[in-house]
Amino acid sequence: MHLDGQLGTLLVFSLPSLSPEDLHMIKNEWGVSTYPLVPGHEVVGVVTEVGSKVEKFKVGDKVGVGCMVGSCRSCDNCANNIENYCRNYILTYGAKYYDGTITYGGYSDVMVVDEHFVVRIPEKLPLDATAPLLCAGITVYSPLRFYGLDKPGMHVGVVGLGGLGHVAVKFAKAMGLKVTVISTSPNKKKESIEHLGVDSFLVSRDQDEMQAAMDTMDGIIDTVSAPHPLLPLIGLLKSNGKLVLVGAPEKPLELPVFPLLLGRKMVGGSNIGGMKETQEMLDFAAKHNITSEIELIPMDYVNTAMERLLKADVRYRFVIDIANTLKSSS
């Protein structure tokens, strides 16, 4: 996209995060990757230049870009501020842009983005720890709101305590919910309770613990992208409970129907959020001091970070300090 006479905003992005989705795309595990590929879709930075028709931003503004940089802008989904469900929405990287070029993501030193797909970072939020909210944050915030799992006093489970799960806990607690983390890793219990303030912790492989928690939850946000059984999770739900999947397993999951019928339970999905809701999420995060737990790394550490990410050896997101890496190498 060119700036001249356009709605483009030129951003020097200094802090993209390194997410599991980036790894999937790099390896073409979803079968949609186009090479050469420049990843990065949880990106924050500062505006350095704006096109002549830009109205929302000015030079010096703290801004961010999430998973998409375009959509048709004319379908019902776009008209209803859910551009993320537009059939022709354009991914931040590895997708074909309006002009036929391939989009490059936040691992770049600069990006040009239509102002509609740029969000404002509230002043009180630090840039580095805000970057993961632009995908992980909105991915868990949107279903809590849409599925009505945001009423104070409700009991919500969060499956998986990783990049998505830990911010799901933070948003849910800020909404006044009772929160239970459901994990295969007993060693995450102390972290969950003492640092994140969850109300309870279930080891999903412990049948006694799971049995004792049956029929207790109003909803569950399932962030796990590896194959896993849904039956035990459905069992945790009260009647009319909702299991919302936001992880993206490579292989189909088995869905048992009888437990749904016998409790009028629902299994649903959710994928990021529209631009209006993403801004709403950031404003909510600023109000409640919600940020992601990150490890800041230089660009030349990326390959090592990817190896660590494969082993889940990060708490809970890597963020790449591109600006300082460029300064030190120049």
Protein backbone atom coordinates (compact mmCIF):
# COMPACT_ATOMS: atom_id res chain seq x y z
CA MET A 1 0.00 0.00 0.00
CA HIS A 2 1.27 3.48 -0.89
CA LEU A 3 0.79 6.41 1.45
CA ASP A 4 0.23 9.16 -1.09
CA GLY A 5 -3.45 10.16 -1.20
CA GLN A 6 -4.44 7.02 0.69
CA LEU A 7 -5.73 6.03 4.10
CA GLY A 8 -2.45 4.35 4.88
CA THR A 9 -0.63 4.81 8.16
CA LEU A 10 3.13 4.23 8.16
CA LEU A 11 4.22 2.59 11.36
CA VAL A 12 7.68 1.89 12.67
CA PHE A 13 6.81 -1.26 14.53
CA SER A 14 9.30 -2.04 17.20
CA LEU A 15 7.57 -4.81 19.11
CA PRO A 16 5.84 -7.75 17.40
CA SER A 17 5.14 -10.86 19.43
CA LEU A 18 6.17 -14.38 18.46
CA SER A 19 3.05 -16.53 18.62
CA PRO A 20 2.26 -20.21 18.02
CA GLU A 21 0.29 -19.13 14.94
CA ASP A 22 3.52 -17.75 13.48
CA LEU A 23 5.10 -21.20 13.85
CA HIS A 24 2.12 -22.88 12.15
CA MET A 25 2.40 -20.46 9.23
CA ILE A 26 6.19 -20.72 8.94
CA LYS A 27 5.87 -24.52 8.67
CA ASN A 28 2.75 -24.32 6.46
CA GLU A 29 0.94 -26.62 8.90
CA TRP A 30 -2.42 -25.14 7.90
CA GLY A 31 -1.62 -25.44 4.17
CA VAL A 32 -2.15 -21.75 3.36
CA SER A 33 1.35 -20.26 3.65
CA THR A 34 2.90 -18.24 0.81
CA TYR A 35 6.66 -17.76 0.69
CA PRO A 36 8.67 -15.62 1.22
CA LEU A 37 6.85 -15.16 4.52
CA VAL A 38 7.32 -12.32 7.03
CA PRO A 39 5.33 -13.25 10.17
CA GLY A 40 4.04 -11.05 12.97
CA HIS A 41 0.36 -10.32 13.72
CA GLU A 42 0.44 -9.04 17.30
CA VAL A 43 2.26 -5.82 16.59
CA VAL A 44 2.65 -2.46 18.32
CA GLY A 45 4.60 0.63 17.41
CA VAL A 46 4.55 4.35 16.76
CA VAL A 47 3.12 6.22 13.77
CA THR A 48 5.89 7.90 11.75
CA GLU A 49 3.88 9.08 8.73
CA VAL A 50 0.26 9.20 7.57
CA GLY A 51 -1.46 9.34 4.19
CA SER A 52 -3.21 12.56 3.15
CA LYS A 53 -6.70 11.17 3.90
CA VAL A 54 -5.91 9.69 7.31
CA GLU A 55 -8.15 11.11 10.05
CA LYS A 56 -7.81 8.78 13.02
CA PHE A 57 -4.06 8.95 13.67
CA LYS A 58 -1.17 11.36 13.67
CA VAL A 59 2.60 11.04 13.83
CA GLY A 60 3.73 9.92 17.29
CA ASP A 61 0.58 7.96 18.21
CA LYS A 62 1.00 4.59 19.93
CA VAL A 63 -0.86 2.07 17.79
CA GLY A 64 -1.25 -1.61 17.05
CA VAL A 65 -2.22 -4.05 14.32
CA GLY A 66 -3.64 -7.48 14.94
CA CYS A 67 -4.51 -10.37 12.63
CA MET A 68 -6.07 -8.52 9.71
CA VAL A 69 -5.26 -5.56 7.49
CA GLY A 70 -8.22 -5.62 5.09
CA SER A 71 -11.74 -6.84 4.36
CA CYS A 72 -14.42 -6.24 1.72
CA ARG A 73 -16.00 -3.43 3.81
CA SER A 74 -19.39 -4.04 2.18
CA CYS A 75 -20.81 -7.39 3.41
CA ASP A 76 -23.15 -7.82 6.40
CA ASN A 77 -20.27 -8.87 8.65
CA CYS A 78 -18.25 -5.77 7.81
CA ALA A 79 -21.33 -3.57 8.25
CA ASN A 80 -21.86 -5.08 11.70
CA ASN A 81 -18.27 -4.48 12.86
CA ILE A 82 -17.26 -8.13 12.68
CA GLU A 83 -14.80 -7.77 9.81
CA ASN A 84 -13.00 -10.82 11.21
CA TYR A 85 -15.84 -12.96 9.78
CA CYS A 86 -15.78 -11.33 6.34
CA ARG A 87 -15.26 -14.02 3.69
CA ASN A 88 -12.64 -11.78 2.08
CA TYR A 89 -10.77 -10.52 5.09
CA ILE A 90 -7.01 -10.11 4.56
CA LEU A 91 -4.52 -11.57 7.00
CA THR A 92 -1.72 -9.33 8.26
CA TYR A 93 0.85 -11.54 6.60
CA GLY A 94 0.99 -14.23 3.94
CA ALA A 95 -2.21 -13.09 2.22
CA LYS A 96 -2.99 -11.36 -1.06
CA TYR A 97 -3.70 -7.65 -0.62
CA TYR A 98 -6.17 -5.62 -2.72
CA ASP A 99 -3.41 -4.71 -5.22
CA GLY A 100 -2.27 -8.32 -5.64
CA THR A 101 0.86 -8.02 -3.50
CA ILE A 102 1.50 -10.36 -0.57
CA THR A 103 1.15 -8.90 2.91
CA TYR A 104 4.19 -8.87 5.20
CA GLY A 105 3.82 -8.87 8.97
CA GLY A 106 5.32 -7.28 12.03
CA TYR A 107 8.77 -8.83 11.84
CA SER A 108 9.39 -6.03 9.31
CA ASP A 109 11.07 -2.78 10.32
CA VAL A 110 8.11 -0.77 8.90
CA MET A 111 4.50 -1.49 7.91
CA VAL A 112 1.85 0.46 6.01
CA VAL A 113 -1.72 -0.30 7.05
CA ASP A 114 -5.14 1.13 6.19
CA GLU A 115 -6.16 3.24 9.20
CA HIS A 116 -9.40 1.26 9.63
CA PHE A 117 -7.35 -1.76 10.68
CA VAL A 118 -5.15 0.11 13.14
CA VAL A 119 -6.08 0.45 16.82
CA ARG A 120 -5.00 3.03 19.36
CA ILE A 121 -2.92 1.84 22.32
CA PRO A 122 -4.09 3.61 25.50
CA GLU A 123 -1.35 5.74 27.05
CA LYS A 124 -1.20 3.80 30.31
CA LEU A 125 -0.49 0.46 28.58
CA PRO A 126 3.18 -0.45 27.95
CA LEU A 127 3.84 -1.22 24.30
CA ASP A 128 5.77 -4.46 24.75
CA ALA A 129 3.34 -6.24 27.10
CA THR A 130 0.34 -5.01 25.08
CA ALA A 131 1.40 -6.59 21.77
CA PRO A 132 -0.02 -10.09 22.54
CA LEU A 133 -3.43 -8.60 23.37
CA LEU A 134 -3.92 -7.84 19.66
CA CYS A 135 -4.52 -11.52 18.95
CA ALA A 136 -4.46 -13.51 22.19
CA GLY A 137 -6.31 -10.81 24.11
CA ILE A 138 -9.15 -10.24 21.66
CA THR A 139 -9.42 -14.00 21.00
CA VAL A 140 -10.50 -14.59 24.62
CA TYR A 141 -12.23 -11.26 25.31
CA SER A 142 -14.65 -11.56 22.39
CA PRO A 143 -16.21 -14.93 23.34
CA LEU A 144 -16.56 -13.94 27.01
CA ARG A 145 -18.64 -10.98 25.83
CA PHE A 146 -20.51 -12.58 22.92
CA TYR A 147 -21.53 -15.76 24.74
CA GLY A 148 -22.65 -13.82 27.83
CA LEU A 149 -19.96 -15.26 30.05
CA ASP A 150 -19.08 -11.82 31.44
CA LYS A 151 -21.62 -11.43 34.27
CA PRO A 152 -20.11 -10.95 37.75
CA GLY A 153 -20.40 -14.09 39.86
CA MET A 154 -20.45 -16.51 36.93
CA HIS A 155 -18.09 -19.49 37.07
CA VAL A 156 -15.90 -19.84 33.99
CA GLY A 157 -13.24 -22.44 33.24
CA VAL A 158 -10.13 -21.71 31.17
CA VAL A 159 -8.53 -24.73 29.48
CA GLY A 160 -4.77 -24.32 29.01
CA LEU A 161 -2.55 -21.76 30.70
CA GLY A 162 -0.45 -20.42 27.83
CA GLY A 163 -0.43 -17.26 25.75
CA LEU A 164 -4.22 -17.19 25.41
CA GLY A 165 -5.13 -18.85 28.68
CA HIS A 166 -3.29 -16.48 31.01
CA VAL A 167 -4.91 -13.39 29.47
CA ALA A 168 -8.30 -15.15 29.52
CA VAL A 169 -7.85 -15.51 33.27
CA LYS A 170 -6.98 -11.82 33.62
CA PHE A 171 -9.98 -10.62 31.60
CA ALA A 172 -12.35 -13.02 33.38
CA LYS A 173 -11.18 -11.90 36.83
CA ALA A 174 -11.52 -8.25 35.81
CA MET A 175 -15.13 -8.99 34.79
CA GLY A 176 -15.83 -10.29 38.29
CA LEU A 177 -15.99 -13.99 37.41
CA LYS A 178 -15.05 -17.03 39.43
CA VAL A 179 -12.26 -18.66 37.40
CA THR A 180 -10.99 -22.23 37.31
CA VAL A 181 -7.94 -23.18 35.26
CA ILE A 182 -8.08 -26.66 33.70
CA SER A 183 -4.63 -27.95 32.74
CA THR A 184 -2.67 -31.13 32.11
CA SER A 185 0.26 -29.60 34.03
CA PRO A 186 0.05 -29.79 37.86
CA ASN A 187 3.15 -27.58 38.07
CA LYS A 188 1.08 -24.61 36.85
CA LYS A 189 -1.19 -24.69 39.91
CA LYS A 190 0.97 -22.45 42.11
CA GLU A 191 1.43 -19.90 39.32
CA SER A 192 -2.32 -19.88 38.60
CA ILE A 193 -3.42 -19.31 42.17
CA GLU A 194 -0.64 -17.15 43.58
CA HIS A 195 0.19 -14.98 40.57
CA LEU A 196 -2.96 -14.93 38.44
CA GLY A 197 -5.44 -15.19 41.29
CA VAL A 198 -7.60 -18.02 39.97
CA ASP A 199 -10.18 -19.44 42.35
CA SER A 200 -9.42 -23.10 41.67
CA PHE A 201 -7.23 -25.36 39.55
CA LEU A 202 -8.13 -28.71 38.00
CA VAL A 203 -5.65 -31.25 36.64
CA SER A 204 -7.57 -32.59 33.65
CA ARG A 205 -5.92 -36.02 33.92
CA ASP A 206 -7.06 -36.39 37.56
CA GLN A 207 -10.43 -38.14 37.26
CA ASP A 208 -11.32 -37.54 40.92
CA GLU A 209 -10.75 -33.78 40.61
CA MET A 210 -12.71 -33.60 37.38
CA GLN A 211 -15.55 -35.70 38.79
CA ALA A 212 -15.83 -33.45 41.84
CA ALA A 213 -16.19 -30.39 39.59
CA MET A 214 -18.94 -31.83 37.36
CA ASP A 215 -21.90 -29.53 36.62
CA THR A 216 -20.33 -26.47 38.24
CA MET A 217 -19.37 -24.09 35.39
CA ASP A 218 -21.45 -21.63 33.40
CA GLY A 219 -18.93 -21.63 30.57
CA ILE A 220 -15.49 -22.74 29.45
CA ILE A 221 -13.00 -21.01 27.17
CA ASP A 222 -10.88 -23.77 25.59
CA THR A 223 -7.56 -22.35 24.34
CA VAL A 224 -5.82 -25.65 23.55
CA SER A 225 -4.66 -26.24 19.97
CA ALA A 226 -3.54 -29.85 20.46
CA PRO A 227 -5.97 -32.77 20.04
CA HIS A 228 -7.80 -33.36 23.33
CA PRO A 229 -11.08 -34.94 24.52
CA LEU A 230 -14.12 -32.67 24.84
CA LEU A 231 -16.28 -35.07 26.88
CA PRO A 232 -14.68 -34.27 30.26
CA LEU A 233 -15.03 -30.54 29.60
CA ILE A 234 -18.69 -30.83 28.62
CA GLY A 235 -19.21 -32.69 31.89
CA LEU A 236 -17.94 -29.70 33.87
CA LEU A 237 -20.72 -27.48 32.50
CA LYS A 238 -23.98 -26.76 34.25
CA SER A 239 -27.19 -27.18 32.26
CA ASN A 240 -27.26 -24.49 29.53
CA GLY A 241 -23.47 -24.20 29.83
CA LYS A 242 -21.29 -23.15 26.91
CA LEU A 243 -17.98 -24.63 25.80
CA VAL A 244 -16.25 -22.15 23.48
CA LEU A 245 -13.31 -23.32 21.37
CA VAL A 246 -10.69 -20.71 20.48
CA GLY A 247 -7.73 -23.04 19.89
CA ALA A 248 -7.18 -24.48 16.42
CA PRO A 249 -6.22 -28.19 16.50
CA GLU A 250 -4.80 -29.50 13.23
CA LYS A 251 -7.07 -32.57 13.37
CA PRO A 252 -10.85 -32.68 14.01
CA LEU A 253 -11.96 -33.24 17.60
CA GLU A 254 -14.56 -35.83 18.53
CA LEU A 255 -17.83 -34.26 19.67
CA PRO A 256 -20.07 -36.47 21.86
CA VAL A 257 -23.69 -35.46 21.31
CA PHE A 258 -25.62 -37.12 24.14
CA PRO A 259 -24.07 -34.96 26.91
CA LEU A 260 -25.16 -31.89 24.92
CA LEU A 261 -28.74 -33.14 24.60
CA LEU A 262 -29.03 -34.14 28.24
CA GLY A 263 -27.94 -30.75 29.56
CA ARG A 264 -29.00 -28.40 26.76
CA LYS A 265 -25.33 -27.50 26.46
CA MET A 266 -23.63 -25.65 23.65
CA VAL A 267 -20.29 -26.01 21.88
CA GLY A 268 -19.29 -22.89 19.96
CA GLY A 269 -16.29 -21.20 18.46
CA SER A 270 -14.80 -17.73 18.18
CA ASN A 271 -12.09 -16.13 16.07
CA ILE A 272 -10.39 -12.88 17.19
CA GLY A 273 -12.76 -9.87 16.94
CA GLY A 274 -13.71 -6.92 14.77
CA MET A 275 -11.87 -3.61 14.90
CA LYS A 276 -14.44 -1.89 17.12
CA GLU A 277 -14.35 -4.72 19.66
CA THR A 278 -10.55 -4.89 19.55
CA GLN A 279 -10.38 -1.22 20.53
CA GLU A 280 -12.97 -1.88 23.25
CA MET A 281 -10.80 -4.73 24.55
CA LEU A 282 -7.72 -2.49 24.73
CA ASP A 283 -9.65 0.22 26.57
CA PHE A 284 -10.94 -2.40 29.03
CA ALA A 285 -7.37 -3.69 29.48
CA ALA A 286 -6.15 -0.16 30.24
CA LYS A 287 -8.95 0.40 32.77
CA HIS A 288 -8.11 -2.84 34.60
CA ASN A 289 -4.31 -2.81 34.12
CA ILE A 290 -4.33 -5.99 32.02
CA THR A 291 -1.18 -6.86 30.09
CA SER A 292 0.41 -10.06 28.83
CA GLU A 293 3.28 -11.76 30.65
CA ILE A 294 6.18 -11.54 28.21
CA GLU A 295 9.85 -12.24 27.61
CA LEU A 296 11.47 -9.49 25.53
CA ILE A 297 14.04 -10.79 23.04
CA PRO A 298 16.33 -9.35 20.32
CA MET A 299 15.65 -10.26 16.68
CA ASP A 300 18.71 -12.51 16.44
CA TYR A 301 17.23 -14.72 19.18
CA VAL A 302 14.13 -15.57 17.13
CA ASN A 303 15.23 -19.03 15.95
CA THR A 304 16.08 -20.06 19.52
CA ALA A 305 12.78 -18.61 20.72
CA MET A 306 10.91 -20.70 18.14
CA GLU A 307 12.59 -23.84 19.43
CA ARG A 308 11.62 -22.89 22.97
CA LEU A 309 8.07 -22.11 21.89
CA LEU A 310 7.73 -25.61 20.47
CA LYS A 311 8.58 -26.93 23.94
CA ALA A 312 6.19 -24.45 25.61
CA ASP A 313 9.26 -22.98 27.30
CA VAL A 314 7.99 -19.40 27.61
CA ARG A 315 5.96 -17.45 30.15
CA TYR A 316 3.78 -16.70 28.20
CA ARG A 317 4.74 -14.82 25.03
CA PHE A 318 7.96 -13.76 23.35
CA VAL A 319 8.00 -10.16 22.10
CA ILE A 320 10.71 -9.19 19.61
CA ASP A 321 12.48 -5.87 20.18
CA ILE A 322 13.08 -5.06 16.52
CA ALA A 323 13.76 -1.34 16.97
CA ASN A 324 16.61 -1.80 19.43
CA THR A 325 17.97 -4.72 17.41
CA LEU A 326 18.18 -2.45 14.36
CA LYS A 327 19.83 0.33 16.39
CA SER A 328 22.48 -1.98 17.78
CA SER A 329 23.30 -3.44 14.36
CA SER A 330 23.54 -0.11 12.55
